[in-house]
Amino acid sequence: MFKVIHQSVEKESLSFMDLMNRSNHVTPTSFLEQLNMYKDILAKKRISVVSAKKRLEIGLDVMEKANYEIIGLQK
């Protein structure tokens, strides 16, 4: 997918040059920057998902304990 994105940016840069007479350079460095940005976003998303999972587990535990207490009070 990154290869496709990088190549499409290269093509659009050529049409940008034709249309606006301004250059936009797409280099291997920009490709590597794209990979690093993806890696950073992925790491943040993983932390977010783990945090949400922990909150959900804690909430389910609290609800289960409350259910047992309700059953005990009903008896």
PDB file of N, CA and C in Angstrom:
ATOM      1  N   MET A   1       0.823  -1.194   0.000  1.00  0.00           N
ATOM      2  CA  MET A   1       0.000   0.000   0.000  1.00  0.00           C
ATOM      3  C   MET A   1       0.870   1.261   0.000  1.00  0.00           C
ATOM      4  N   PHE A   2       1.946   1.241   0.781  1.00  0.00           N
ATOM      5  CA  PHE A   2       2.822   2.406   0.823  1.00  0.00           C
ATOM      6  C   PHE A   2       3.464   2.677  -0.533  1.00  0.00           C
ATOM      7  N   LYS A   3       3.781   1.591  -1.232  1.00  0.00           N
ATOM      8  CA  LYS A   3       4.362   1.744  -2.568  1.00  0.00           C
ATOM      9  C   LYS A   3       3.371   2.429  -3.501  1.00  0.00           C
ATOM     10  N   VAL A   4       2.124   2.016  -3.451  1.00  0.00           N
ATOM     11  CA  VAL A   4       1.085   2.606  -4.299  1.00  0.00           C
ATOM     12  C   VAL A   4       0.909   4.088  -3.969  1.00  0.00           C
ATOM     13  N   ILE A   5       0.849   4.406  -2.687  1.00  0.00           N
ATOM     14  CA  ILE A   5       0.693   5.801  -2.272  1.00  0.00           C
ATOM     15  C   ILE A   5       1.881   6.629  -2.749  1.00  0.00           C
ATOM     16  N   HIS A   6       3.082   6.110  -2.549  1.00  0.00           N
ATOM     17  CA  HIS A   6       4.282   6.836  -2.944  1.00  0.00           C
ATOM     18  C   HIS A   6       4.293   7.089  -4.457  1.00  0.00           C
ATOM     19  N   GLN A   7       3.930   6.063  -5.232  1.00  0.00           N
ATOM     20  CA  GLN A   7       3.917   6.218  -6.681  1.00  0.00           C
ATOM     21  C   GLN A   7       2.823   7.184  -7.136  1.00  0.00           C
ATOM     22  N   SER A   8       1.684   7.175  -6.464  1.00  0.00           N
ATOM     23  CA  SER A   8       0.624   8.110  -6.854  1.00  0.00           C
ATOM     24  C   SER A   8       1.023   9.553  -6.541  1.00  0.00           C
ATOM     25  N   VAL A   9       1.758   9.751  -5.459  1.00  0.00           N
ATOM     26  CA  VAL A   9       2.252  11.096  -5.133  1.00  0.00           C
ATOM     27  C   VAL A   9       3.263  11.543  -6.189  1.00  0.00           C
ATOM     28  N   GLU A  10       4.100  10.623  -6.640  1.00  0.00           N
ATOM     29  CA  GLU A  10       5.051  10.964  -7.702  1.00  0.00           C
ATOM     30  C   GLU A  10       4.315  11.416  -8.967  1.00  0.00           C
ATOM     31  N   LYS A  11       3.262  10.696  -9.349  1.00  0.00           N
ATOM     32  CA  LYS A  11       2.483  11.058 -10.540  1.00  0.00           C
ATOM     33  C   LYS A  11       1.814  12.415 -10.362  1.00  0.00           C
ATOM     34  N   GLU A  12       1.212  12.635  -9.198  1.00  0.00           N
ATOM     35  CA  GLU A  12       0.550  13.914  -8.942  1.00  0.00           C
ATOM     36  C   GLU A  12       1.552  15.064  -8.900  1.00  0.00           C
ATOM     37  N   SER A  13       2.766  14.786  -8.460  1.00  0.00           N
ATOM     38  CA  SER A  13       3.798  15.821  -8.440  1.00  0.00           C
ATOM     39  C   SER A  13       4.132  16.268  -9.856  1.00  0.00           C
ATOM     40  N   LEU A  14       4.133  15.338 -10.799  1.00  0.00           N
ATOM     41  CA  LEU A  14       4.381  15.694 -12.194  1.00  0.00           C
ATOM     42  C   LEU A  14       3.250  16.549 -12.754  1.00  0.00           C
ATOM     43  N   SER A  15       2.015  16.178 -12.454  1.00  0.00           N
ATOM     44  CA  SER A  15       0.895  16.982 -12.945  1.00  0.00           C
ATOM     45  C   SER A  15       0.858  18.348 -12.249  1.00  0.00           C
ATOM     46  N   PHE A  16       1.279  18.400 -10.982  1.00  0.00           N
ATOM     47  CA  PHE A  16       1.387  19.669 -10.260  1.00  0.00           C
ATOM     48  C   PHE A  16       2.415  20.576 -10.943  1.00  0.00           C
ATOM     49  N   MET A  17       3.515  19.973 -11.379  1.00  0.00           N
ATOM     50  CA  MET A  17       4.548  20.729 -12.075  1.00  0.00           C
ATOM     51  C   MET A  17       4.003  21.284 -13.390  1.00  0.00           C
ATOM     52  N   ASP A  18       3.267  20.473 -14.131  1.00  0.00           N
ATOM     53  CA  ASP A  18       2.691  20.926 -15.399  1.00  0.00           C
ATOM     54  C   ASP A  18       1.660  22.021 -15.186  1.00  0.00           C
ATOM     55  N   LEU A  19       0.832  21.872 -14.177  1.00  0.00           N
ATOM     56  CA  LEU A  19      -0.263  22.806 -13.938  1.00  0.00           C
ATOM     57  C   LEU A  19       0.196  24.121 -13.305  1.00  0.00           C
ATOM     58  N   MET A  20       1.000  24.030 -12.281  1.00  0.00           N
ATOM     59  CA  MET A  20       1.369  25.209 -11.498  1.00  0.00           C
ATOM     60  C   MET A  20       2.794  25.709 -11.763  1.00  0.00           C
ATOM     61  N   ASN A  21       3.547  24.925 -12.527  1.00  0.00           N
ATOM     62  CA  ASN A  21       4.943  25.251 -12.822  1.00  0.00           C
ATOM     63  C   ASN A  21       5.766  25.356 -11.530  1.00  0.00           C
ATOM     64  N   ARG A  22       5.445  24.491 -10.586  1.00  0.00           N
ATOM     65  CA  ARG A  22       6.183  24.406  -9.320  1.00  0.00           C
ATOM     66  C   ARG A  22       6.554  22.957  -9.085  1.00  0.00           C
ATOM     67  N   SER A  23       7.741  22.759  -8.580  1.00  0.00           N
ATOM     68  CA  SER A  23       8.184  21.383  -8.369  1.00  0.00           C
ATOM     69  C   SER A  23       7.891  20.922  -6.943  1.00  0.00           C
ATOM     70  N   ASN A  24       7.679  19.643  -6.842  1.00  0.00           N
ATOM     71  CA  ASN A  24       7.468  18.988  -5.562  1.00  0.00           C
ATOM     72  C   ASN A  24       8.268  17.689  -5.613  1.00  0.00           C
ATOM     73  N   HIS A  25       9.265  17.577  -4.782  1.00  0.00           N
ATOM     74  CA  HIS A  25      10.153  16.420  -4.852  1.00  0.00           C
ATOM     75  C   HIS A  25       9.662  15.304  -3.937  1.00  0.00           C
ATOM     76  N   VAL A  26       9.597  14.125  -4.499  1.00  0.00           N
ATOM     77  CA  VAL A  26       9.250  12.932  -3.738  1.00  0.00           C
ATOM     78  C   VAL A  26      10.503  12.072  -3.721  1.00  0.00           C
ATOM     79  N   THR A  27      11.030  11.881  -2.536  1.00  0.00           N
ATOM     80  CA  THR A  27      12.314  11.199  -2.398  1.00  0.00           C
ATOM     81  C   THR A  27      12.153   9.921  -1.583  1.00  0.00           C
ATOM     82  N   PRO A  28      13.164   9.066  -1.608  1.00  0.00           N
ATOM     83  CA  PRO A  28      13.128   7.891  -0.724  1.00  0.00           C
ATOM     84  C   PRO A  28      12.989   8.293   0.743  1.00  0.00           C
ATOM     85  N   THR A  29      13.529   9.463   1.094  1.00  0.00           N
ATOM     86  CA  THR A  29      13.412   9.934   2.472  1.00  0.00           C
ATOM     87  C   THR A  29      11.951  10.179   2.827  1.00  0.00           C
ATOM     88  N   SER A  30      11.189  10.758   1.894  1.00  0.00           N
ATOM     89  CA  SER A  30       9.769  10.998   2.182  1.00  0.00           C
ATOM     90  C   SER A  30       9.017   9.673   2.317  1.00  0.00           C
ATOM     91  N   PHE A  31       9.438   8.666   1.553  1.00  0.00           N
ATOM     92  CA  PHE A  31       8.841   7.336   1.684  1.00  0.00           C
ATOM     93  C   PHE A  31       9.140   6.773   3.069  1.00  0.00           C
ATOM     94  N   LEU A  32      10.363   6.918   3.534  1.00  0.00           N
ATOM     95  CA  LEU A  32      10.739   6.433   4.866  1.00  0.00           C
ATOM     96  C   LEU A  32      10.025   7.217   5.958  1.00  0.00           C
ATOM     97  N   GLU A  33       9.826   8.509   5.735  1.00  0.00           N
ATOM     98  CA  GLU A  33       9.071   9.311   6.699  1.00  0.00           C
ATOM     99  C   GLU A  33       7.634   8.815   6.799  1.00  0.00           C
ATOM    100  N   GLN A  34       7.068   8.446   5.661  1.00  0.00           N
ATOM    101  CA  GLN A  34       5.709   7.909   5.647  1.00  0.00           C
ATOM    102  C   GLN A  34       5.637   6.619   6.474  1.00  0.00           C
ATOM    103  N   LEU A  35       6.622   5.767   6.305  1.00  0.00           N
ATOM    104  CA  LEU A  35       6.655   4.526   7.090  1.00  0.00           C
ATOM    105  C   LEU A  35       6.789   4.818   8.583  1.00  0.00           C
ATOM    106  N   ASN A  36       7.633   5.783   8.932  1.00  0.00           N
ATOM    107  CA  ASN A  36       7.804   6.136  10.345  1.00  0.00           C
ATOM    108  C   ASN A  36       6.536   6.734  10.935  1.00  0.00           C
ATOM    109  N   MET A  37       5.843   7.571  10.164  1.00  0.00           N
ATOM    110  CA  MET A  37       4.576   8.122  10.653  1.00  0.00           C
ATOM    111  C   MET A  37       3.566   7.011  10.904  1.00  0.00           C
ATOM    112  N   TYR A  38       3.503   6.050   9.981  1.00  0.00           N
ATOM    113  CA  TYR A  38       2.584   4.927  10.151  1.00  0.00           C
ATOM    114  C   TYR A  38       2.939   4.142  11.405  1.00  0.00           C
ATOM    115  N   LYS A  39       4.229   3.920  11.614  1.00  0.00           N
ATOM    116  CA  LYS A  39       4.679   3.174  12.793  1.00  0.00           C
ATOM    117  C   LYS A  39       4.288   3.903  14.071  1.00  0.00           C
ATOM    118  N   ASP A  40       4.456   5.219  14.090  1.00  0.00           N
ATOM    119  CA  ASP A  40       4.086   6.012  15.266  1.00  0.00           C
ATOM    120  C   ASP A  40       2.580   5.968  15.522  1.00  0.00           C
ATOM    121  N   ILE A  41       1.802   6.123  14.465  1.00  0.00           N
ATOM    122  CA  ILE A  41       0.335   6.082  14.606  1.00  0.00           C
ATOM    123  C   ILE A  41      -0.107   4.708  15.078  1.00  0.00           C
ATOM    124  N   LEU A  42       0.500   3.659  14.542  1.00  0.00           N
ATOM    125  CA  LEU A  42       0.159   2.296  14.943  1.00  0.00           C
ATOM    126  C   LEU A  42       0.463   2.071  16.425  1.00  0.00           C
ATOM    127  N   ALA A  43       1.604   2.558  16.889  1.00  0.00           N
ATOM    128  CA  ALA A  43       1.968   2.393  18.300  1.00  0.00           C
ATOM    129  C   ALA A  43       0.969   3.122  19.201  1.00  0.00           C
ATOM    130  N   LYS A  44       0.586   4.352  18.828  1.00  0.00           N
ATOM    131  CA  LYS A  44      -0.390   5.101  19.618  1.00  0.00           C
ATOM    132  C   LYS A  44      -1.741   4.397  19.620  1.00  0.00           C
ATOM    133  N   LYS A  45      -2.137   3.852  18.476  1.00  0.00           N
ATOM    134  CA  LYS A  45      -3.418   3.155  18.384  1.00  0.00           C
ATOM    135  C   LYS A  45      -3.406   1.892  19.234  1.00  0.00           C
ATOM    136  N   ARG A  46      -2.296   1.190  19.245  1.00  0.00           N
ATOM    137  CA  ARG A  46      -2.195  -0.020  20.072  1.00  0.00           C
ATOM    138  C   ARG A  46      -2.350   0.326  21.545  1.00  0.00           C
ATOM    139  N   ILE A  47      -1.693   1.400  21.983  1.00  0.00           N
ATOM    140  CA  ILE A  47      -1.824   1.840  23.374  1.00  0.00           C
ATOM    141  C   ILE A  47      -3.270   2.189  23.676  1.00  0.00           C
ATOM    142  N   SER A  48      -3.920   2.881  22.757  1.00  0.00           N
ATOM    143  CA  SER A  48      -5.312   3.269  22.931  1.00  0.00           C
ATOM    144  C   SER A  48      -6.230   2.048  23.038  1.00  0.00           C
ATOM    145  N   VAL A  49      -5.994   1.061  22.195  1.00  0.00           N
ATOM    146  CA  VAL A  49      -6.827  -0.146  22.206  1.00  0.00           C
ATOM    147  C   VAL A  49      -6.615  -0.933  23.494  1.00  0.00           C
ATOM    148  N   VAL A  50      -5.367  -1.048  23.940  1.00  0.00           N
ATOM    149  CA  VAL A  50      -5.087  -1.762  25.192  1.00  0.00           C
ATOM    150  C   VAL A  50      -5.759  -1.048  26.365  1.00  0.00           C
ATOM    151  N   SER A  51      -5.695   0.275  26.365  1.00  0.00           N
ATOM    152  CA  SER A  51      -6.332   1.049  27.423  1.00  0.00           C
ATOM    153  C   SER A  51      -7.851   0.849  27.424  1.00  0.00           C
ATOM    154  N   ALA A  52      -8.447   0.883  26.244  1.00  0.00           N
ATOM    155  CA  ALA A  52      -9.897   0.677  26.138  1.00  0.00           C
ATOM    156  C   ALA A  52     -10.270  -0.737  26.579  1.00  0.00           C
ATOM    157  N   LYS A  53      -9.445  -1.707  26.238  1.00  0.00           N
ATOM    158  CA  LYS A  53      -9.703  -3.096  26.637  1.00  0.00           C
ATOM    159  C   LYS A  53      -9.670  -3.230  28.157  1.00  0.00           C
ATOM    160  N   LYS A  54      -8.677  -2.603  28.791  1.00  0.00           N
ATOM    161  CA  LYS A  54      -8.580  -2.665  30.252  1.00  0.00           C
ATOM    162  C   LYS A  54      -9.790  -2.016  30.906  1.00  0.00           C
ATOM    163  N   ARG A  55     -10.220  -0.848  30.381  1.00  0.00           N
ATOM    164  CA  ARG A  55     -11.402  -0.178  30.934  1.00  0.00           C
ATOM    165  C   ARG A  55     -12.641  -1.061  30.788  1.00  0.00           C
ATOM    166  N   LEU A  56     -12.774  -1.717  29.654  1.00  0.00           N
ATOM    167  CA  LEU A  56     -13.911  -2.609  29.427  1.00  0.00           C
ATOM    168  C   LEU A  56     -13.882  -3.785  30.393  1.00  0.00           C
ATOM    169  N   GLU A  57     -12.712  -4.383  30.570  1.00  0.00           N
ATOM    170  CA  GLU A  57     -12.594  -5.515  31.493  1.00  0.00           C
ATOM    171  C   GLU A  57     -12.942  -5.103  32.919  1.00  0.00           C
ATOM    172  N   ILE A  58     -12.458  -3.947  33.340  1.00  0.00           N
ATOM    173  CA  ILE A  58     -12.757  -3.455  34.691  1.00  0.00           C
ATOM    174  C   ILE A  58     -14.259  -3.203  34.833  1.00  0.00           C
ATOM    175  N   GLY A  59     -14.857  -2.590  33.823  1.00  0.00           N
ATOM    176  CA  GLY A  59     -16.297  -2.328  33.848  1.00  0.00           C
ATOM    177  C   GLY A  59     -17.110  -3.608  33.921  1.00  0.00           C
ATOM    178  N   LEU A  60     -16.701  -4.621  33.167  1.00  0.00           N
ATOM    179  CA  LEU A  60     -17.407  -5.902  33.209  1.00  0.00           C
ATOM    180  C   LEU A  60     -17.262  -6.570  34.573  1.00  0.00           C
ATOM    181  N   ASP A  61     -16.076  -6.470  35.175  1.00  0.00           N
ATOM    182  CA  ASP A  61     -15.874  -7.029  36.517  1.00  0.00           C
ATOM    183  C   ASP A  61     -16.770  -6.330  37.538  1.00  0.00           C
ATOM    184  N   VAL A  62     -16.865  -5.009  37.450  1.00  0.00           N
ATOM    185  CA  VAL A  62     -17.706  -4.253  38.371  1.00  0.00           C
ATOM    186  C   VAL A  62     -19.174  -4.655  38.195  1.00  0.00           C
ATOM    187  N   MET A  63     -19.604  -4.802  36.956  1.00  0.00           N
ATOM    188  CA  MET A  63     -20.991  -5.198  36.700  1.00  0.00           C
ATOM    189  C   MET A  63     -21.274  -6.613  37.216  1.00  0.00           C
ATOM    190  N   GLU A  64     -20.302  -7.504  37.068  1.00  0.00           N
ATOM    191  CA  GLU A  64     -20.478  -8.878  37.557  1.00  0.00           C
ATOM    192  C   GLU A  64     -20.587  -8.897  39.083  1.00  0.00           C
ATOM    193  N   LYS A  65     -19.727  -8.123  39.752  1.00  0.00           N
ATOM    194  CA  LYS A  65     -19.783  -8.043  41.215  1.00  0.00           C
ATOM    195  C   LYS A  65     -21.112  -7.446  41.676  1.00  0.00           C
ATOM    196  N   ALA A  66     -21.571  -6.421  40.966  1.00  0.00           N
ATOM    197  CA  ALA A  66     -22.850  -5.798  41.309  1.00  0.00           C
ATOM    198  C   ALA A  66     -23.989  -6.789  41.120  1.00  0.00           C
ATOM    199  N   ASN A  67     -23.904  -7.603  40.085  1.00  0.00           N
ATOM    200  CA  ASN A  67     -24.935  -8.609  39.833  1.00  0.00           C
ATOM    201  C   ASN A  67     -25.001  -9.616  40.985  1.00  0.00           C
ATOM    202  N   TYR A  68     -23.836 -10.065  41.461  1.00  0.00           N
ATOM    203  CA  TYR A  68     -23.819 -10.997  42.588  1.00  0.00           C
ATOM    204  C   TYR A  68     -24.384 -10.343  43.855  1.00  0.00           C
ATOM    205  N   GLU A  69     -24.065  -9.088  44.065  1.00  0.00           N
ATOM    206  CA  GLU A  69     -24.588  -8.382  45.226  1.00  0.00           C
ATOM    207  C   GLU A  69     -26.122  -8.221  45.137  1.00  0.00           C
ATOM    208  N   ILE A  70     -26.622  -7.949  43.954  1.00  0.00           N
ATOM    209  CA  ILE A  70     -28.062  -7.824  43.753  1.00  0.00           C
ATOM    210  C   ILE A  70     -28.763  -9.162  44.022  1.00  0.00           C
ATOM    211  N   ILE A  71     -28.164 -10.235  43.514  1.00  0.00           N
ATOM    212  CA  ILE A  71     -28.731 -11.561  43.760  1.00  0.00           C
ATOM    213  C   ILE A  71     -28.753 -11.855  45.255  1.00  0.00           C
ATOM    214  N   GLY A  72     -27.671 -11.497  45.964  1.00  0.00           N
ATOM    215  CA  GLY A  72     -27.608 -11.699  47.410  1.00  0.00           C
ATOM    216  C   GLY A  72     -28.654 -10.870  48.151  1.00  0.00           C
ATOM    217  N   LEU A  73     -28.857  -9.640  47.715  1.00  0.00           N
ATOM    218  CA  LEU A  73     -29.856  -8.788  48.355  1.00  0.00           C
ATOM    219  C   LEU A  73     -31.279  -9.281  48.078  1.00  0.00           C
ATOM    220  N   GLN A  74     -31.499  -9.840  46.911  1.00  0.00           N
ATOM    221  CA  GLN A  74     -32.833 -10.348  46.578  1.00  0.00           C
ATOM    222  C   GLN A  74     -33.165 -11.556  47.433  1.00  0.00           C
ATOM    223  N   LYS A  75     -32.185 -12.352  47.796  1.00  0.00           N
ATOM    224  CA  LYS A  75     -32.438 -13.530  48.635  1.00  0.00           C
ATOM    225  C   LYS A  75     -32.760 -13.073  50.032  1.00  0.00           C
TER     226      LYS A  75
END
